[in-house]
Amino acid sequence: MVKQSDCFTCHKIKEKFIGPSFYDIAGRYERVSESVVEKLSNKIRIGGGGSWGSVPMAPHPSKTKEEADAIAKYILLTKYR
C-alpha cells in the first residue's frame, strides 16, 4: 500500500528527504500502541506541521482510516528492520 501511495515523494525509509525517514518517525516512539497508530494515522489523513520542522505534512483525505492505520503501522515497524 505504501508503494502505491505518494509517501515516497517526501519520505524515504532510512534517510531524511523532504520529510523525516520512516525509521526516524518509528524511533520517536518507544513502543507501538493504538494511540500512536491513531496519532500517525490522523497526521497522514489530515496533514499538519510542527512535528519535524517547517515543512508541513500534506493531507491525504482520500485515504480511509483503515488505509492510514495500515500505513502508520508499516512506518512504526520499520524500526525493527
Protein backbone atom coordinates (compact mmCIF):
# COMPACT_ATOMS: atom_id res chain seq x y z
CA MET A 1 0.00 0.00 0.00
CA VAL A 2 2.87 2.40 0.79
CA LYS A 3 4.45 1.79 -2.61
CA GLN A 4 1.14 2.57 -4.31
CA SER A 5 0.75 5.85 -2.42
CA ASP A 6 2.74 9.07 -2.77
CA CYS A 7 4.60 8.54 0.54
CA PHE A 8 7.98 8.25 -1.16
CA THR A 9 7.55 11.65 -2.77
CA CYS A 10 8.61 13.15 0.59
CA HIS A 11 9.86 10.23 2.70
CA LYS A 12 12.48 7.51 2.47
CA ILE A 13 12.79 4.51 4.72
CA LYS A 14 16.15 5.25 6.36
CA GLU A 15 17.17 8.70 5.09
CA LYS A 16 15.74 12.14 5.70
CA PHE A 17 14.39 13.60 2.47
CA ILE A 18 11.76 16.35 2.33
CA GLY A 19 10.19 14.81 5.40
CA PRO A 20 11.66 12.56 8.09
CA SER A 21 12.59 8.98 7.33
CA PHE A 22 10.19 6.26 8.33
CA TYR A 23 12.97 4.92 10.55
CA ASP A 24 13.23 8.28 12.38
CA ILE A 25 9.45 8.51 12.78
CA ALA A 26 9.33 4.99 14.26
CA GLY A 27 12.29 5.75 16.51
CA ARG A 28 10.45 8.65 18.11
CA TYR A 29 8.04 6.22 19.75
CA GLU A 30 9.20 3.78 22.41
CA ARG A 31 6.56 1.20 21.55
CA VAL A 32 3.81 0.64 19.03
CA SER A 33 0.42 1.31 20.61
CA GLU A 34 -3.05 2.06 19.33
CA SER A 35 -2.72 5.70 20.42
CA VAL A 36 0.49 6.11 18.41
CA VAL A 37 -1.09 4.46 15.37
CA GLU A 38 -4.09 6.78 15.75
CA LYS A 39 -1.83 9.86 16.02
CA LEU A 40 0.13 8.97 12.87
CA SER A 41 -2.98 7.87 11.00
CA ASN A 42 -4.58 11.24 11.67
CA LYS A 43 -1.43 13.04 10.54
CA ILE A 44 -1.50 11.05 7.30
CA ARG A 45 -5.15 11.85 6.62
CA ILE A 46 -5.35 15.43 7.96
CA GLY A 47 -1.77 16.62 7.49
CA GLY A 48 -0.17 19.32 9.59
CA GLY A 49 3.14 20.70 10.66
CA GLY A 50 5.41 21.41 13.55
CA SER A 51 6.47 17.86 14.38
CA TRP A 52 9.61 17.71 12.22
CA GLY A 53 10.39 21.28 11.22
CA SER A 54 8.90 23.86 8.94
CA VAL A 55 7.72 21.65 6.07
CA PRO A 56 4.12 20.58 6.77
CA MET A 57 2.79 17.10 6.12
CA ALA A 58 0.42 17.21 3.16
CA PRO A 59 -3.07 15.88 3.91
CA HIS A 60 -4.31 12.70 2.25
CA PRO A 61 -8.09 12.94 2.67
CA SER A 62 -8.73 10.21 0.11
CA LYS A 63 -7.14 7.63 2.41
CA THR A 64 -9.59 5.73 4.56
CA LYS A 65 -8.91 5.37 8.26
CA GLU A 66 -8.05 1.71 7.66
CA GLU A 67 -5.55 2.58 4.92
CA ALA A 68 -3.93 5.30 7.02
CA ASP A 69 -3.77 2.93 10.02
CA ALA A 70 -2.04 0.29 7.87
CA ILE A 71 0.50 2.84 6.60
CA ALA A 72 1.13 4.08 10.15
CA LYS A 73 1.72 0.51 11.37
CA TYR A 74 4.11 -0.14 8.49
CA ILE A 75 6.07 3.03 9.35
CA LEU A 76 6.24 2.11 13.04
CA LEU A 77 7.50 -1.38 12.27
CA THR A 78 10.48 -0.08 10.25
CA LYS A 79 12.48 0.38 13.46
CA TYR A 80 12.53 -3.40 13.83
CA ARG A 81 14.21 -3.93 10.45
